[in-house]
Amino acid sequence: MFTLKYIKDMERRVRVKVKFIGLLFLSSIILTACSTPFDDLADQINAWIAGEEVDNKETENEDTEGTESTEEDSTTEETETTEDTTETTNQVDTSTSESTSKVDYSDLYDQGEETSLDSGTYTVGEDIEAGRYEVTSDDYMGITIRNADDLSTYTDSVNGGSEDSVDKHIVFLDDDYTVEVSDYSSSSGAVVDFAPYESTEVTELTPGQWIVGEDFPAGVYDIEIDPTDSYGDLVISRQLDSNRARFLLGSVDYGGVLEVTTNLEEGELVTLNYIKSARLTKR
């Protein structure tokens, strides 16, 4: 009885072992058969991952190169723009400095030689010496002064024969300036006389050209004229070919005023035209 039970138990164990061995054998066959696809799949996955990393690196490199290229292009464009701007700025500054030379007649103070000129056009340095002059005439004459660039620096009339007319002017004549004298009287032998003007401080302006700091101190001034039926200009300049301020003095019928208040700075040129005189009162 006991022997029979033992034999059955052993048979059961053998069957279990056989099944287990068969299962192991079958599993090994399956794994062997599937190992190649799994390996291929693993290789593909690894290759894909590696490829993505390479692509990412290439993309990063391309982006970096693109960024560097863009930065270089941008830098180049900025450099070119800066150079262009600098050139434009240099051209503008050069043009300004050439076309707006500051007023400087200091070398003409107390210079000149007495000269009389009749109707005609004359060159300073050839027909009359450079200098600062008081201009008068016994007749009714006109004068126009032009600089070397043919720009008018002063124009007015002089008439010593009329009590109400302007009878003298203070003007600067520099080398290569031209002086045009016109005879309005049509009288024989009419001339304009040029006498060297000695600079001295003034409190009244007569028609002509005056330098702030040379003829009167810089400062704020009331400039006043007597009531008149005529009109004229008061012009303030820092450069020879441009004006800082311009005032119409004279009859209100012509839009003029009898008094102006303005600041006059060192070195500025003050020009009075067509008005016999104007009083300066410093504030």
Protein backbone atom coordinates (compact mmCIF):
# COMPACT_ATOMS: atom_id res chain seq x y z
CA MET A 1 0.00 0.00 0.00
CA PHE A 2 2.67 2.35 1.00
CA THR A 3 4.81 1.31 -1.98
CA LEU A 4 2.03 1.98 -4.45
CA LYS A 5 1.44 5.48 -3.08
CA TYR A 6 5.11 6.24 -3.22
CA ILE A 7 5.34 5.13 -6.84
CA LYS A 8 2.41 7.33 -7.84
CA ASP A 9 3.94 10.27 -6.08
CA MET A 10 7.19 9.78 -7.93
CA GLU A 11 5.37 9.55 -11.26
CA ARG A 12 3.62 12.82 -10.54
CA ARG A 13 6.91 14.48 -9.71
CA VAL A 14 8.48 13.09 -12.88
CA ARG A 15 5.60 14.43 -14.98
CA VAL A 16 6.01 17.87 -13.34
CA LYS A 17 9.74 17.85 -14.04
CA VAL A 18 9.15 16.78 -17.62
CA LYS A 19 6.64 19.55 -18.11
CA PHE A 20 9.03 22.03 -16.53
CA ILE A 21 11.92 20.84 -18.70
CA GLY A 22 9.70 20.98 -21.77
CA LEU A 23 8.61 24.50 -20.85
CA LEU A 24 12.21 25.57 -20.42
CA PHE A 25 13.13 24.02 -23.75
CA LEU A 26 10.21 25.71 -25.48
CA SER A 27 11.09 29.07 -23.87
CA SER A 28 14.66 28.80 -25.03
CA ILE A 29 13.49 28.10 -28.58
CA ILE A 30 11.15 31.10 -28.49
CA LEU A 31 13.82 33.40 -27.05
CA THR A 32 16.34 32.19 -29.61
CA ALA A 33 13.88 32.79 -32.41
CA CYS A 34 12.98 36.24 -31.14
CA SER A 35 16.39 37.44 -30.11
CA THR A 36 17.24 38.73 -33.59
CA PRO A 37 14.11 40.93 -33.93
CA PHE A 38 14.62 42.24 -30.41
CA ASP A 39 18.24 42.96 -31.17
CA ASP A 40 17.26 44.65 -34.42
CA LEU A 41 14.63 46.63 -32.61
CA ALA A 42 17.12 47.57 -29.92
CA ASP A 43 19.66 48.52 -32.59
CA GLN A 44 17.05 50.60 -34.40
CA ILE A 45 16.07 52.31 -31.16
CA ASN A 46 19.72 52.98 -30.30
CA ALA A 47 20.41 54.20 -33.83
CA TRP A 48 17.32 56.44 -33.72
CA ILE A 49 18.38 57.87 -30.36
CA ALA A 50 21.93 58.38 -31.61
CA GLY A 51 20.65 59.89 -34.85
CA GLU A 52 18.41 62.27 -32.95
CA GLU A 53 21.36 63.35 -30.84
CA VAL A 54 23.43 63.88 -33.98
CA ASP A 55 20.60 65.77 -35.62
CA ASN A 56 20.16 67.83 -32.50
CA LYS A 57 23.86 68.56 -32.40
CA GLU A 58 23.87 69.46 -36.11
CA THR A 59 20.80 71.64 -35.61
CA GLU A 60 22.43 73.29 -32.63
CA ASN A 61 25.59 73.83 -34.67
CA GLU A 62 23.58 75.22 -37.57
CA ASP A 63 21.64 77.46 -35.19
CA THR A 64 24.90 78.58 -33.59
CA GLU A 65 26.47 79.21 -36.98
CA GLY A 66 23.32 81.00 -38.10
CA THR A 67 23.33 83.10 -34.95
CA GLU A 68 27.02 83.86 -35.35
CA SER A 69 26.45 84.68 -39.02
CA THR A 70 23.50 86.88 -38.12
CA GLU A 71 25.54 88.57 -35.41
CA GLU A 72 28.43 89.05 -37.85
CA ASP A 73 26.05 90.39 -40.50
CA SER A 74 24.41 92.61 -37.92
CA THR A 75 27.81 93.77 -36.70
CA THR A 76 28.91 94.40 -40.28
CA GLU A 77 25.72 96.31 -41.03
CA GLU A 78 26.09 98.31 -37.83
CA THR A 79 29.72 99.03 -38.69
CA GLU A 80 28.78 100.09 -42.21
CA THR A 81 25.89 102.16 -40.86
CA THR A 82 28.19 103.76 -38.28
CA GLU A 83 30.77 104.52 -40.97
CA ASP A 84 28.07 105.97 -43.23
CA THR A 85 26.71 108.04 -40.35
CA THR A 86 30.18 109.23 -39.46
CA GLU A 87 30.87 110.19 -43.06
CA THR A 88 27.54 111.98 -43.30
CA THR A 89 28.22 113.69 -39.99
CA ASN A 90 31.75 114.63 -41.18
CA GLN A 91 30.28 116.01 -44.41
CA VAL A 92 27.67 118.01 -42.50
CA ASP A 93 30.22 119.37 -40.04
CA THR A 94 32.59 120.28 -42.85
CA SER A 95 29.81 122.01 -44.78
CA THR A 96 28.72 123.93 -41.70
CA SER A 97 32.25 124.99 -40.81
CA GLU A 98 32.91 126.12 -44.39
CA SER A 99 29.62 127.92 -44.94
CA THR A 100 29.28 129.51 -41.51
CA SER A 101 32.68 130.99 -40.68
CA LYS A 102 32.60 132.94 -37.44
CA VAL A 103 32.86 136.71 -37.55
CA ASP A 104 36.45 137.80 -36.93
CA TYR A 105 37.53 141.25 -38.04
CA SER A 106 40.05 141.69 -35.22
CA ASP A 107 42.99 142.10 -37.62
CA LEU A 108 41.23 145.06 -39.27
CA TYR A 109 40.86 147.22 -36.15
CA ASP A 110 42.55 150.62 -36.56
CA GLN A 111 43.80 149.64 -40.01
CA GLY A 112 43.32 151.29 -43.40
CA GLU A 113 44.41 154.20 -45.54
CA GLU A 114 42.48 157.27 -46.62
CA THR A 115 40.99 156.75 -50.06
CA SER A 116 38.34 158.38 -52.27
CA LEU A 117 36.44 156.34 -54.82
CA ASP A 118 34.08 157.50 -57.51
CA SER A 119 31.41 155.41 -59.20
CA GLY A 120 32.68 151.91 -60.01
CA THR A 121 33.66 148.52 -58.57
CA TYR A 122 36.89 148.11 -56.61
CA THR A 123 38.91 145.28 -55.05
CA VAL A 124 40.16 145.52 -51.48
CA GLY A 125 43.92 144.94 -51.35
CA GLU A 126 44.36 146.45 -54.83
CA ASP A 127 42.33 149.66 -55.07
CA ILE A 128 41.94 150.27 -51.34
CA GLU A 129 43.76 148.88 -48.32
CA ALA A 130 42.05 146.40 -45.99
CA GLY A 131 40.90 147.95 -42.73
CA ARG A 132 38.01 149.47 -40.81
CA TYR A 133 36.65 152.67 -42.30
CA GLU A 134 34.35 155.59 -41.71
CA VAL A 135 32.57 156.20 -45.00
CA THR A 136 31.26 159.69 -45.90
CA SER A 137 30.29 161.71 -48.97
CA ASP A 138 29.16 165.24 -49.78
CA ASP A 139 26.89 163.81 -52.42
CA TYR A 140 24.13 161.23 -52.59
CA MET A 141 25.97 157.94 -53.13
CA GLY A 142 25.40 154.23 -52.65
CA ILE A 143 27.84 151.58 -51.43
CA THR A 144 27.66 147.77 -51.58
CA ILE A 145 30.36 145.59 -50.03
CA ARG A 146 30.75 141.91 -50.94
CA ASN A 147 33.10 139.31 -49.47
CA ALA A 148 35.33 136.87 -51.38
CA ASP A 149 32.35 134.51 -51.81
CA ASP A 150 30.35 137.32 -53.45
CA LEU A 151 27.98 137.57 -50.47
CA SER A 152 26.84 141.05 -49.53
CA THR A 153 28.20 142.08 -46.13
CA TYR A 154 26.90 145.65 -46.17
CA THR A 155 24.79 147.92 -48.37
CA ASP A 156 23.37 151.42 -47.79
CA SER A 157 23.40 154.95 -49.10
CA VAL A 158 25.27 157.99 -47.82
CA ASN A 159 24.22 161.59 -48.32
CA GLY A 160 26.15 164.31 -46.53
CA GLY A 161 24.21 166.97 -48.35
CA SER A 162 20.92 166.21 -46.57
CA GLU A 163 20.36 166.84 -42.87
CA ASP A 164 17.80 164.03 -42.51
CA SER A 165 19.82 161.42 -44.41
CA VAL A 166 22.52 159.06 -43.24
CA ASP A 167 25.81 160.90 -43.53
CA LYS A 168 28.35 158.27 -42.44
CA HIS A 169 28.92 154.50 -42.09
CA ILE A 170 31.41 152.34 -40.18
CA VAL A 171 32.42 149.29 -42.25
CA PHE A 172 34.99 146.50 -42.45
CA LEU A 173 36.90 145.92 -45.69
CA ASP A 174 38.86 142.66 -45.76
CA ASP A 175 41.27 141.45 -48.44
CA ASP A 176 39.55 140.29 -51.66
CA TYR A 177 36.32 142.07 -50.74
CA THR A 178 34.78 144.20 -53.46
CA VAL A 179 33.33 147.70 -53.05
CA GLU A 180 30.71 148.94 -55.47
CA VAL A 181 30.14 152.70 -55.48
CA SER A 182 27.02 154.09 -57.12
CA ASP A 183 26.42 157.77 -57.93
CA TYR A 184 22.81 158.70 -57.22
CA SER A 185 23.41 162.43 -57.53
CA SER A 186 24.61 162.45 -61.13
CA SER A 187 26.91 165.31 -60.17
CA SER A 188 30.33 165.64 -61.71
CA GLY A 189 33.22 164.53 -59.53
CA ALA A 190 31.08 162.82 -56.86
CA VAL A 191 33.11 160.49 -54.67
CA VAL A 192 32.86 158.43 -51.51
CA ASP A 193 35.57 159.07 -48.91
CA PHE A 194 37.04 156.22 -46.81
CA ALA A 195 38.93 157.22 -43.64
CA PRO A 196 40.47 154.73 -41.16
CA TYR A 197 38.23 154.38 -38.10
CA GLU A 198 39.84 154.26 -34.66
CA SER A 199 37.88 151.94 -32.39
CA THR A 200 36.48 153.45 -29.21
CA GLU A 201 33.68 152.46 -26.86
CA VAL A 202 30.31 153.80 -28.00
CA THR A 203 26.86 154.27 -26.45
CA GLU A 204 25.19 155.15 -29.73
CA LEU A 205 25.22 153.22 -32.98
CA THR A 206 25.37 154.95 -36.33
CA PRO A 207 24.77 152.98 -39.55
CA GLY A 208 27.48 150.40 -39.99
CA GLN A 209 29.07 147.31 -38.48
CA TRP A 210 29.86 147.01 -34.77
CA ILE A 211 31.57 144.26 -32.75
CA VAL A 212 30.32 143.32 -29.28
CA GLY A 213 33.25 143.37 -26.85
CA GLU A 214 35.24 145.76 -29.06
CA ASP A 215 32.90 148.72 -29.46
CA PHE A 216 30.76 148.14 -26.33
CA PRO A 217 30.62 145.44 -23.62
CA ALA A 218 28.54 142.30 -23.95
CA GLY A 219 25.24 142.27 -22.06
CA VAL A 220 21.51 142.87 -22.26
CA TYR A 221 20.64 146.18 -23.94
CA ASP A 222 17.69 148.40 -24.66
CA ILE A 223 18.21 149.73 -28.19
CA GLU A 224 16.08 152.80 -28.96
CA ILE A 225 15.60 155.16 -31.87
CA ASP A 226 13.78 158.50 -32.18
CA PRO A 227 10.35 158.57 -33.84
CA THR A 228 10.76 158.53 -37.61
CA ASP A 229 8.78 158.18 -40.80
CA SER A 230 11.36 155.80 -42.27
CA TYR A 231 12.53 152.34 -41.23
CA GLY A 232 15.67 150.26 -41.11
CA ASP A 233 17.25 147.00 -39.90
CA LEU A 234 19.16 145.95 -36.82
CA VAL A 235 20.86 142.62 -37.55
CA ILE A 236 22.84 140.44 -35.10
CA SER A 237 25.20 137.80 -36.55
CA ARG A 238 27.57 135.17 -35.24
CA GLN A 239 28.57 133.93 -38.68
CA LEU A 240 29.30 135.88 -41.81
CA ASP A 241 26.51 134.30 -43.86
CA SER A 242 23.72 133.82 -41.29
CA ASN A 243 21.85 136.02 -38.84
CA ARG A 244 20.95 135.20 -35.23
CA ALA A 245 18.34 137.95 -34.95
CA ARG A 246 16.83 140.69 -37.07
CA PHE A 247 14.70 143.64 -35.90
CA LEU A 248 12.75 146.08 -38.01
CA LEU A 249 13.21 149.52 -36.50
CA GLY A 250 11.26 152.64 -37.43
CA SER A 251 7.76 153.73 -38.28
CA VAL A 252 4.91 151.52 -37.07
CA ASP A 253 3.30 152.22 -40.44
CA TYR A 254 5.94 149.89 -41.90
CA GLY A 255 5.69 147.36 -39.06
CA GLY A 256 8.66 148.82 -37.23
CA VAL A 257 9.32 149.42 -33.53
CA LEU A 258 11.11 152.24 -31.72
CA GLU A 259 12.76 150.05 -29.05
CA VAL A 260 13.98 146.49 -28.68
CA THR A 261 15.64 144.64 -25.81
CA THR A 262 18.13 141.92 -26.64
CA ASN A 263 21.19 140.08 -25.35
CA LEU A 264 24.42 140.90 -27.20
CA GLU A 265 27.19 138.33 -26.81
CA GLU A 266 30.95 138.71 -27.05
CA GLY A 267 32.23 138.69 -30.62
CA GLU A 268 28.85 139.15 -32.32
CA LEU A 269 28.50 141.50 -35.28
CA VAL A 270 25.75 144.13 -34.95
CA THR A 271 24.74 145.86 -38.17
CA LEU A 272 22.50 148.94 -38.39
CA ASN A 273 21.09 149.98 -41.77
CA TYR A 274 19.05 152.96 -43.04
CA ILE A 275 18.53 154.45 -39.54
CA LYS A 276 20.56 157.53 -38.64
CA SER A 277 21.32 156.44 -35.06
CA ALA A 278 20.26 154.09 -32.24
CA ARG A 279 20.96 154.55 -28.52
CA LEU A 280 22.39 151.72 -26.41
CA THR A 281 21.35 151.42 -22.77
CA LYS A 282 22.79 148.49 -20.85
CA ARG A 283 20.55 146.91 -18.23
